[in-house]
N, C-alpha and C. Protein backbone atom coordinates (compact mmCIF):
# COMPACT_ATOMS: atom_id res chain seq x y z
N MET A 1 -75.63 -28.04 -23.27
CA MET A 1 -74.34 -28.42 -22.74
C MET A 1 -73.41 -27.19 -23.07
N CYS A 2 -72.64 -26.73 -22.03
CA CYS A 2 -71.66 -25.77 -22.15
C CYS A 2 -70.37 -26.37 -22.25
N GLU A 3 -69.51 -25.66 -23.17
CA GLU A 3 -68.14 -26.05 -23.25
C GLU A 3 -67.23 -24.72 -23.12
N ALA A 4 -66.16 -24.91 -22.47
CA ALA A 4 -65.21 -23.84 -22.23
C ALA A 4 -63.87 -24.27 -22.77
N SER A 5 -63.15 -23.46 -23.42
CA SER A 5 -61.78 -23.68 -23.73
C SER A 5 -60.84 -22.52 -23.39
N HIS A 6 -59.69 -22.84 -23.09
CA HIS A 6 -58.79 -21.73 -22.69
C HIS A 6 -57.59 -21.77 -23.57
N SER A 7 -57.25 -20.64 -24.19
CA SER A 7 -56.13 -20.46 -24.98
C SER A 7 -55.24 -19.40 -24.48
N SER A 8 -54.04 -19.67 -24.18
CA SER A 8 -53.10 -18.61 -23.64
C SER A 8 -52.22 -17.97 -24.71
N ALA A 9 -52.08 -16.75 -24.57
CA ALA A 9 -51.18 -16.04 -25.59
C ALA A 9 -49.71 -16.52 -25.21
N THR A 10 -49.44 -17.05 -24.17
CA THR A 10 -48.06 -17.50 -23.79
C THR A 10 -47.81 -18.84 -24.13
N SER A 11 -48.86 -19.64 -24.55
CA SER A 11 -48.48 -21.07 -24.81
C SER A 11 -47.54 -21.13 -25.89
N GLY A 12 -46.67 -22.26 -25.69
CA GLY A 12 -45.58 -22.33 -26.55
C GLY A 12 -44.29 -21.62 -26.19
N MET A 13 -44.25 -20.71 -25.23
CA MET A 13 -43.22 -20.00 -24.74
C MET A 13 -42.55 -20.79 -23.66
N VAL A 14 -41.29 -20.90 -23.78
CA VAL A 14 -40.49 -21.56 -22.69
C VAL A 14 -39.95 -20.57 -21.71
N SER A 15 -40.30 -20.89 -20.47
CA SER A 15 -39.84 -19.99 -19.40
C SER A 15 -38.30 -20.19 -19.32
N PRO A 16 -37.53 -19.28 -19.00
CA PRO A 16 -36.11 -19.47 -18.78
C PRO A 16 -35.78 -20.13 -17.46
N HIS A 17 -34.70 -20.86 -17.49
CA HIS A 17 -34.34 -21.62 -16.32
C HIS A 17 -33.43 -20.73 -15.42
N ALA A 18 -33.47 -20.96 -14.10
CA ALA A 18 -32.44 -20.30 -13.35
C ALA A 18 -31.06 -20.74 -13.57
N PRO A 19 -30.16 -19.69 -13.56
CA PRO A 19 -28.76 -20.20 -13.88
C PRO A 19 -28.11 -21.07 -12.77
N LEU A 20 -27.22 -21.76 -13.15
CA LEU A 20 -26.68 -22.88 -12.27
C LEU A 20 -25.20 -22.69 -12.22
N ASN A 21 -24.69 -23.29 -11.08
CA ASN A 21 -23.28 -23.26 -10.86
C ASN A 21 -22.60 -21.81 -10.74
N VAL A 22 -23.27 -21.01 -9.98
CA VAL A 22 -22.74 -19.73 -9.85
C VAL A 22 -21.46 -19.67 -9.04
N ALA A 23 -20.43 -18.98 -9.61
CA ALA A 23 -19.11 -18.89 -8.93
C ALA A 23 -18.70 -17.44 -8.98
N VAL A 24 -17.84 -17.16 -7.87
CA VAL A 24 -17.33 -15.74 -7.81
C VAL A 24 -15.88 -15.71 -7.57
N SER A 25 -15.08 -14.94 -8.29
CA SER A 25 -13.81 -14.66 -8.10
C SER A 25 -13.61 -13.19 -7.53
N ALA A 26 -13.30 -12.91 -6.27
CA ALA A 26 -13.28 -11.63 -5.77
C ALA A 26 -11.96 -11.03 -5.55
N ARG A 27 -11.76 -9.65 -5.80
CA ARG A 27 -10.60 -8.98 -5.57
C ARG A 27 -10.89 -7.92 -4.43
N GLU A 28 -9.95 -6.85 -4.33
CA GLU A 28 -10.10 -5.90 -3.35
C GLU A 28 -11.39 -5.08 -3.55
N ASP A 29 -11.76 -4.55 -4.63
CA ASP A 29 -12.91 -3.72 -4.84
C ASP A 29 -13.78 -4.19 -6.11
N MET A 30 -13.58 -5.41 -6.47
CA MET A 30 -14.38 -5.87 -7.60
C MET A 30 -14.55 -7.41 -7.48
N ALA A 31 -15.49 -8.00 -8.33
CA ALA A 31 -15.72 -9.48 -8.23
C ALA A 31 -16.11 -9.78 -9.65
N VAL A 32 -15.78 -10.98 -10.13
CA VAL A 32 -16.24 -11.53 -11.34
C VAL A 32 -17.21 -12.64 -11.00
N VAL A 33 -18.34 -12.65 -11.51
CA VAL A 33 -19.39 -13.57 -11.23
C VAL A 33 -19.54 -14.37 -12.49
N SER A 34 -19.62 -15.67 -12.51
CA SER A 34 -19.79 -16.51 -13.69
C SER A 34 -20.91 -17.66 -13.29
N TRP A 35 -21.47 -18.22 -14.39
CA TRP A 35 -22.58 -19.15 -14.09
C TRP A 35 -22.81 -19.97 -15.47
N GLU A 36 -23.64 -20.96 -15.28
CA GLU A 36 -24.01 -21.72 -16.47
C GLU A 36 -25.44 -21.24 -16.82
N GLY A 37 -25.76 -21.00 -18.10
CA GLY A 37 -27.10 -20.54 -18.48
C GLY A 37 -27.43 -20.90 -19.77
N GLN A 38 -28.59 -20.33 -20.26
CA GLN A 38 -29.08 -20.58 -21.63
C GLN A 38 -28.34 -19.71 -22.68
N SER A 39 -28.32 -20.22 -23.79
CA SER A 39 -27.59 -19.38 -24.84
C SER A 39 -28.44 -18.10 -25.43
N ASP A 40 -29.80 -18.23 -25.31
CA ASP A 40 -30.56 -17.22 -25.87
C ASP A 40 -31.16 -16.19 -24.73
N ALA A 41 -30.51 -16.29 -23.61
CA ALA A 41 -30.96 -15.42 -22.53
C ALA A 41 -30.05 -14.33 -22.25
N THR A 42 -30.57 -13.27 -21.57
CA THR A 42 -29.72 -12.25 -20.94
C THR A 42 -29.77 -12.52 -19.44
N TYR A 43 -29.14 -11.75 -18.68
CA TYR A 43 -28.93 -12.00 -17.22
C TYR A 43 -29.01 -10.79 -16.40
N VAL A 44 -29.44 -10.98 -15.20
CA VAL A 44 -29.43 -9.87 -14.10
C VAL A 44 -28.65 -10.38 -12.96
N VAL A 45 -27.47 -9.84 -12.57
CA VAL A 45 -26.67 -10.34 -11.26
C VAL A 45 -27.02 -9.31 -10.36
N GLU A 46 -27.37 -9.82 -9.16
CA GLU A 46 -27.65 -8.84 -7.92
C GLU A 46 -26.65 -9.20 -6.93
N VAL A 47 -25.88 -8.20 -6.40
CA VAL A 47 -24.97 -8.41 -5.34
C VAL A 47 -25.32 -7.50 -4.15
N SER A 48 -25.26 -7.97 -2.94
CA SER A 48 -25.65 -7.26 -1.79
C SER A 48 -24.76 -7.65 -0.64
N GLN A 49 -24.83 -6.58 0.44
CA GLN A 49 -24.13 -6.85 1.62
C GLN A 49 -25.07 -7.60 2.73
N ASP A 50 -26.31 -7.66 2.41
CA ASP A 50 -27.22 -8.39 3.24
C ASP A 50 -27.98 -9.48 2.44
N GLU A 51 -28.13 -10.61 3.13
CA GLU A 51 -28.77 -11.74 2.49
C GLU A 51 -30.16 -11.55 2.11
N ALA A 52 -30.85 -10.51 2.50
CA ALA A 52 -32.27 -10.29 2.05
C ALA A 52 -32.13 -9.55 0.80
N PHE A 53 -31.10 -8.98 0.25
CA PHE A 53 -30.91 -8.20 -0.95
C PHE A 53 -31.65 -6.97 -0.91
N THR A 54 -31.84 -6.26 0.31
CA THR A 54 -32.61 -5.08 0.47
C THR A 54 -32.04 -3.87 -0.34
N LYS A 55 -30.77 -3.83 -0.40
CA LYS A 55 -29.98 -2.82 -1.13
C LYS A 55 -29.10 -3.41 -2.11
N ALA A 56 -29.61 -4.18 -2.95
CA ALA A 56 -28.76 -4.88 -3.99
C ALA A 56 -28.47 -4.03 -5.18
N THR A 57 -27.23 -4.14 -5.64
CA THR A 57 -26.95 -3.56 -6.93
C THR A 57 -27.11 -4.61 -8.04
N GLN A 58 -27.67 -4.12 -9.20
CA GLN A 58 -27.97 -5.00 -10.28
C GLN A 58 -26.99 -4.73 -11.43
N THR A 59 -26.58 -5.73 -11.97
CA THR A 59 -25.78 -5.58 -13.26
C THR A 59 -26.31 -6.45 -14.32
N LYS A 60 -26.59 -5.98 -15.52
CA LYS A 60 -27.10 -6.72 -16.59
C LYS A 60 -25.95 -7.35 -17.48
N ALA A 61 -26.17 -8.40 -17.97
CA ALA A 61 -25.06 -9.19 -18.72
C ALA A 61 -25.72 -9.96 -19.88
N ASP A 62 -25.06 -9.92 -21.02
CA ASP A 62 -25.47 -10.62 -22.27
C ASP A 62 -24.68 -11.98 -22.36
N THR A 63 -23.74 -12.31 -21.42
CA THR A 63 -22.99 -13.52 -21.38
C THR A 63 -23.11 -14.17 -20.04
N THR A 64 -22.52 -15.25 -19.80
CA THR A 64 -22.58 -15.82 -18.49
C THR A 64 -21.42 -15.49 -17.64
N THR A 65 -20.97 -14.24 -17.80
CA THR A 65 -19.96 -13.69 -16.85
C THR A 65 -20.25 -12.26 -16.68
N ALA A 66 -20.09 -11.64 -15.50
CA ALA A 66 -20.18 -10.25 -15.28
C ALA A 66 -19.24 -9.73 -14.21
N ALA A 67 -18.69 -8.56 -14.52
CA ALA A 67 -17.78 -7.89 -13.59
C ALA A 67 -18.52 -6.87 -12.68
N ILE A 68 -18.39 -6.98 -11.44
CA ILE A 68 -19.09 -6.14 -10.49
C ILE A 68 -17.96 -5.29 -9.82
N ALA A 69 -18.10 -3.90 -10.09
CA ALA A 69 -17.12 -2.99 -9.75
C ALA A 69 -17.58 -2.18 -8.41
N ASP A 70 -16.72 -1.43 -7.88
CA ASP A 70 -17.03 -0.46 -6.77
C ASP A 70 -17.45 -1.06 -5.52
N LEU A 71 -16.80 -2.36 -5.19
CA LEU A 71 -17.11 -3.07 -3.95
C LEU A 71 -16.24 -2.46 -2.88
N VAL A 72 -16.57 -2.88 -1.56
CA VAL A 72 -15.71 -2.37 -0.51
C VAL A 72 -14.75 -3.45 -0.11
N PRO A 73 -13.41 -3.21 -0.06
CA PRO A 73 -12.51 -4.17 0.38
C PRO A 73 -12.82 -4.81 1.78
N ALA A 74 -12.43 -6.16 1.86
CA ALA A 74 -12.57 -6.97 3.23
C ALA A 74 -14.02 -6.83 3.65
N THR A 75 -15.04 -7.12 2.73
CA THR A 75 -16.33 -7.03 3.06
C THR A 75 -17.12 -8.32 2.55
N HIS A 76 -18.05 -8.82 3.38
CA HIS A 76 -18.83 -9.96 2.94
C HIS A 76 -20.06 -9.66 2.04
N TYR A 77 -20.20 -10.39 1.03
CA TYR A 77 -21.28 -10.10 0.01
C TYR A 77 -22.01 -11.35 -0.32
N TYR A 78 -23.21 -11.17 -0.86
CA TYR A 78 -24.17 -12.20 -1.34
C TYR A 78 -24.39 -11.93 -2.83
N ALA A 79 -24.44 -13.00 -3.66
CA ALA A 79 -24.71 -12.76 -5.08
C ALA A 79 -25.64 -13.84 -5.64
N ARG A 80 -26.44 -13.47 -6.57
CA ARG A 80 -27.47 -14.27 -7.19
C ARG A 80 -27.70 -13.79 -8.68
N VAL A 81 -28.16 -14.73 -9.37
CA VAL A 81 -28.18 -14.46 -10.86
C VAL A 81 -29.65 -14.89 -11.38
N ARG A 82 -30.30 -14.17 -12.25
CA ARG A 82 -31.47 -14.78 -12.86
C ARG A 82 -31.46 -14.34 -14.34
N SER A 83 -32.19 -15.27 -15.15
CA SER A 83 -32.04 -15.14 -16.59
C SER A 83 -33.43 -14.50 -17.10
N ALA A 84 -33.36 -13.96 -18.16
CA ALA A 84 -34.52 -13.33 -18.85
C ALA A 84 -34.61 -13.76 -20.32
N ALA A 85 -35.54 -14.33 -20.64
CA ALA A 85 -35.88 -14.90 -22.00
C ALA A 85 -35.93 -13.64 -23.15
N PRO A 86 -35.87 -13.89 -24.30
CA PRO A 86 -36.11 -12.87 -25.33
C PRO A 86 -37.37 -12.01 -25.30
N LEU A 87 -38.43 -12.74 -24.74
CA LEU A 87 -39.66 -11.96 -24.72
C LEU A 87 -39.99 -11.36 -23.24
N GLY A 88 -38.97 -11.40 -22.39
CA GLY A 88 -39.02 -10.80 -21.13
C GLY A 88 -39.37 -11.62 -19.95
N GLN A 89 -39.70 -12.90 -20.03
CA GLN A 89 -39.92 -13.75 -18.92
C GLN A 89 -38.71 -13.90 -18.10
N LEU A 90 -38.96 -13.86 -16.74
CA LEU A 90 -37.76 -13.90 -15.82
C LEU A 90 -37.78 -15.30 -15.23
N SER A 91 -36.57 -15.87 -14.94
CA SER A 91 -36.48 -17.11 -14.28
C SER A 91 -36.40 -16.83 -12.71
N ALA A 92 -36.44 -17.74 -12.07
CA ALA A 92 -36.22 -17.74 -10.54
C ALA A 92 -34.87 -17.34 -10.39
N PHE A 93 -34.41 -16.81 -9.29
CA PHE A 93 -32.96 -16.60 -8.91
C PHE A 93 -32.23 -17.91 -8.75
N SER A 94 -31.00 -17.86 -9.04
CA SER A 94 -30.14 -18.93 -8.81
C SER A 94 -29.89 -19.09 -7.28
N GLU A 95 -29.21 -20.13 -6.84
CA GLU A 95 -28.91 -20.34 -5.55
C GLU A 95 -27.94 -19.11 -5.19
N VAL A 96 -27.99 -18.59 -3.89
CA VAL A 96 -27.22 -17.47 -3.43
C VAL A 96 -25.80 -18.03 -3.07
N VAL A 97 -24.89 -17.33 -3.63
CA VAL A 97 -23.35 -17.64 -3.20
C VAL A 97 -22.87 -16.48 -2.44
N THR A 98 -21.93 -16.77 -1.54
CA THR A 98 -21.35 -15.73 -0.66
C THR A 98 -19.90 -15.58 -1.04
N PHE A 99 -19.32 -14.41 -0.84
CA PHE A 99 -17.86 -14.11 -1.17
C PHE A 99 -17.43 -12.94 -0.26
N THR A 100 -16.17 -12.87 -0.01
CA THR A 100 -15.63 -11.70 0.68
C THR A 100 -14.52 -11.11 -0.25
N THR A 101 -14.60 -9.80 -0.33
CA THR A 101 -13.67 -9.08 -1.00
C THR A 101 -12.27 -9.07 -0.30
N ALA A 102 -11.15 -8.94 -0.96
CA ALA A 102 -9.83 -9.10 -0.39
C ALA A 102 -9.51 -7.80 0.40
N GLU A 103 -8.59 -8.08 1.43
CA GLU A 103 -8.09 -7.04 2.10
C GLU A 103 -7.27 -6.04 1.13
N PRO A 104 -7.22 -4.75 1.36
CA PRO A 104 -6.46 -3.79 0.45
C PRO A 104 -4.93 -4.19 0.60
N GLY A 105 -4.34 -4.16 -0.57
CA GLY A 105 -2.89 -4.36 -0.74
C GLY A 105 -2.12 -3.36 0.05
N TYR A 106 -2.58 -2.17 -0.23
CA TYR A 106 -1.78 -0.91 0.36
C TYR A 106 -2.81 -0.10 1.14
N ILE A 107 -2.76 -0.13 2.40
CA ILE A 107 -3.57 0.55 3.23
C ILE A 107 -3.43 2.17 3.06
N LEU A 108 -2.13 2.51 2.96
CA LEU A 108 -1.84 3.99 2.94
C LEU A 108 -1.03 4.32 1.61
N ALA A 109 -1.18 5.47 1.17
CA ALA A 109 -0.25 5.93 0.03
C ALA A 109 1.02 6.18 0.73
N PRO A 110 2.18 6.00 -0.01
CA PRO A 110 3.41 6.35 0.54
C PRO A 110 3.56 7.73 0.96
N PRO A 111 4.24 8.09 2.00
CA PRO A 111 4.41 9.48 2.46
C PRO A 111 5.32 10.16 1.38
N VAL A 112 5.10 11.51 1.53
CA VAL A 112 5.88 12.40 0.77
C VAL A 112 7.23 12.48 1.59
N VAL A 113 8.30 12.24 0.84
CA VAL A 113 9.72 12.16 1.34
C VAL A 113 10.47 13.33 1.08
N LYS A 114 11.07 14.07 1.98
CA LYS A 114 11.88 15.23 1.70
C LYS A 114 13.31 14.77 1.89
N LEU A 115 14.23 15.07 0.94
CA LEU A 115 15.56 14.69 1.05
C LEU A 115 16.49 15.94 1.07
N SER A 116 17.48 15.88 2.00
CA SER A 116 18.40 16.90 2.23
C SER A 116 19.78 16.52 2.42
N MET A 117 20.76 17.20 1.95
CA MET A 117 22.13 16.76 2.08
C MET A 117 22.76 17.57 3.31
N ASP A 118 23.54 16.78 4.05
CA ASP A 118 24.10 17.48 5.28
C ASP A 118 25.65 17.14 4.97
N GLY A 119 26.24 18.16 4.29
CA GLY A 119 27.60 18.02 3.78
C GLY A 119 27.68 17.11 2.54
N PHE A 120 28.92 16.36 2.44
CA PHE A 120 29.16 15.56 1.17
C PHE A 120 28.75 14.26 1.45
N SER A 121 28.68 13.68 2.55
CA SER A 121 28.46 12.33 2.73
C SER A 121 27.11 11.77 3.39
N THR A 122 26.25 12.77 3.83
CA THR A 122 25.02 12.32 4.50
C THR A 122 23.83 12.80 3.75
N LEU A 123 22.91 11.98 3.50
CA LEU A 123 21.64 12.33 2.93
C LEU A 123 20.64 12.04 3.91
N LYS A 124 19.69 13.03 4.19
CA LYS A 124 18.70 12.90 5.27
C LYS A 124 17.48 12.88 4.60
N ALA A 125 16.57 11.87 4.99
CA ALA A 125 15.16 11.67 4.39
C ALA A 125 14.20 11.91 5.62
N THR A 126 13.24 12.75 5.50
CA THR A 126 12.18 12.97 6.48
C THR A 126 10.82 12.98 5.84
N TRP A 127 9.84 12.52 6.64
CA TRP A 127 8.39 12.41 6.17
C TRP A 127 7.65 12.49 7.47
N LYS A 128 6.28 12.71 7.21
CA LYS A 128 5.35 12.82 8.25
C LYS A 128 4.82 11.45 8.50
N GLN A 129 4.70 11.07 9.72
CA GLN A 129 4.21 9.72 10.11
C GLN A 129 2.65 9.66 9.88
N ALA A 130 2.33 8.46 9.38
CA ALA A 130 0.85 8.26 9.09
C ALA A 130 0.13 8.22 10.40
N ALA A 131 -1.20 8.66 10.35
CA ALA A 131 -1.99 8.78 11.52
C ALA A 131 -2.63 7.34 11.68
N VAL A 132 -1.91 6.41 11.87
CA VAL A 132 -2.38 5.06 12.22
C VAL A 132 -1.53 4.40 13.24
N ASP A 133 -2.02 3.45 13.94
CA ASP A 133 -1.15 2.84 14.99
C ASP A 133 0.01 2.10 14.40
N LYS A 134 1.16 2.38 14.89
CA LYS A 134 2.39 1.57 14.55
C LYS A 134 2.59 1.51 13.09
N PRO A 135 2.77 2.55 12.35
CA PRO A 135 3.08 2.29 10.85
C PRO A 135 4.52 1.86 10.80
N THR A 136 4.80 1.04 9.67
CA THR A 136 6.11 0.75 9.45
C THR A 136 6.64 1.27 8.10
N TYR A 137 7.85 1.53 7.98
CA TYR A 137 8.36 2.08 6.91
C TYR A 137 9.64 1.29 6.29
N GLU A 138 9.78 1.12 5.13
CA GLU A 138 10.97 0.51 4.76
C GLU A 138 11.66 1.46 3.59
N VAL A 139 12.93 1.80 4.05
CA VAL A 139 13.84 2.79 3.22
C VAL A 139 14.93 1.95 2.64
N SER A 140 15.08 2.16 1.33
CA SER A 140 16.13 1.43 0.72
C SER A 140 16.73 2.34 -0.32
N PHE A 141 18.08 2.06 -0.48
CA PHE A 141 18.81 2.90 -1.54
C PHE A 141 20.07 2.08 -1.88
N GLU A 142 20.64 2.34 -3.06
CA GLU A 142 21.90 1.80 -3.46
C GLU A 142 22.74 2.93 -4.25
N PRO A 143 24.01 2.90 -4.17
CA PRO A 143 24.85 3.83 -4.80
C PRO A 143 24.61 3.65 -6.38
N ALA A 144 24.76 4.78 -7.15
CA ALA A 144 24.77 4.84 -8.51
C ALA A 144 25.86 3.91 -9.04
N ALA A 145 25.58 3.61 -10.34
CA ALA A 145 26.60 2.63 -10.97
C ALA A 145 27.96 3.34 -11.09
N ASP A 146 28.05 4.67 -11.16
CA ASP A 146 29.43 5.23 -11.34
C ASP A 146 29.87 5.86 -9.99
N ALA A 147 29.30 5.39 -8.96
CA ALA A 147 29.71 5.91 -7.55
C ALA A 147 31.09 5.29 -7.21
N ASP A 148 31.82 6.00 -6.26
CA ASP A 148 33.03 5.50 -5.73
C ASP A 148 32.78 4.05 -5.15
N ALA A 149 33.53 3.04 -5.67
CA ALA A 149 33.38 1.70 -5.14
C ALA A 149 33.68 1.48 -3.75
N THR A 150 34.42 2.46 -3.10
CA THR A 150 34.76 2.36 -1.70
C THR A 150 33.75 2.91 -0.75
N ALA A 151 32.79 3.65 -1.26
CA ALA A 151 31.69 4.30 -0.48
C ALA A 151 30.81 3.18 0.14
N GLN A 152 30.59 3.19 1.31
CA GLN A 152 29.79 2.13 2.11
C GLN A 152 28.43 2.88 2.57
N PRO A 153 27.38 2.52 1.87
CA PRO A 153 26.14 3.17 2.39
C PRO A 153 25.65 2.70 3.77
N SER A 154 25.22 3.52 4.55
CA SER A 154 24.59 3.27 5.83
C SER A 154 23.32 4.00 5.91
N ALA A 155 22.28 3.52 6.66
CA ALA A 155 21.06 4.19 6.75
C ALA A 155 20.52 4.12 8.05
N SER A 156 19.70 5.03 8.46
CA SER A 156 18.72 4.82 9.44
C SER A 156 17.42 5.53 9.01
N ALA A 157 16.21 5.13 9.50
CA ALA A 157 15.03 5.58 9.17
C ALA A 157 14.30 6.07 10.41
N ASP A 158 13.79 7.27 10.12
CA ASP A 158 12.98 7.82 11.26
C ASP A 158 11.88 8.80 10.68
N ALA A 159 10.65 8.58 11.23
CA ALA A 159 9.56 9.50 10.74
C ALA A 159 9.62 10.73 11.71
N SER A 160 9.38 11.86 11.05
CA SER A 160 9.24 13.10 11.81
C SER A 160 7.73 13.43 11.90
N ALA A 161 7.41 14.19 13.03
CA ALA A 161 6.02 14.38 13.28
C ALA A 161 5.52 15.62 12.57
């Protein structure tokens, strides 16, 4: 009679569980990914612009939160997380979550403004117009605290080519 037994070197090891409740808070060029996970695990966060994760960036985390930098504003992304146990076993990936980074707050840097005086009462401001369709500019000023109280500021704004 033959008997066989099998003993695994990995018996007794607990495989890590996939992280749960993945959430993303996105800004213009970064996102904060958070999730629920195991206390003794480390994590790998993957972020990609395609849902197949063919060109994913990976960020390692020792806690259940990771900041992902250098993202493109106004862009749709996919994110997922997996945990790793202390002996290196990897979990399955979490559910995939999607997010979109915010539109940039300032599309253009402010132009370089040149100021010149035309006599005593006129200040002229000039700048090069931005190379975009229909840029708008806001010009504001106020008299200095010690200025003549009877002076009435008036303004007109114009971009020079």
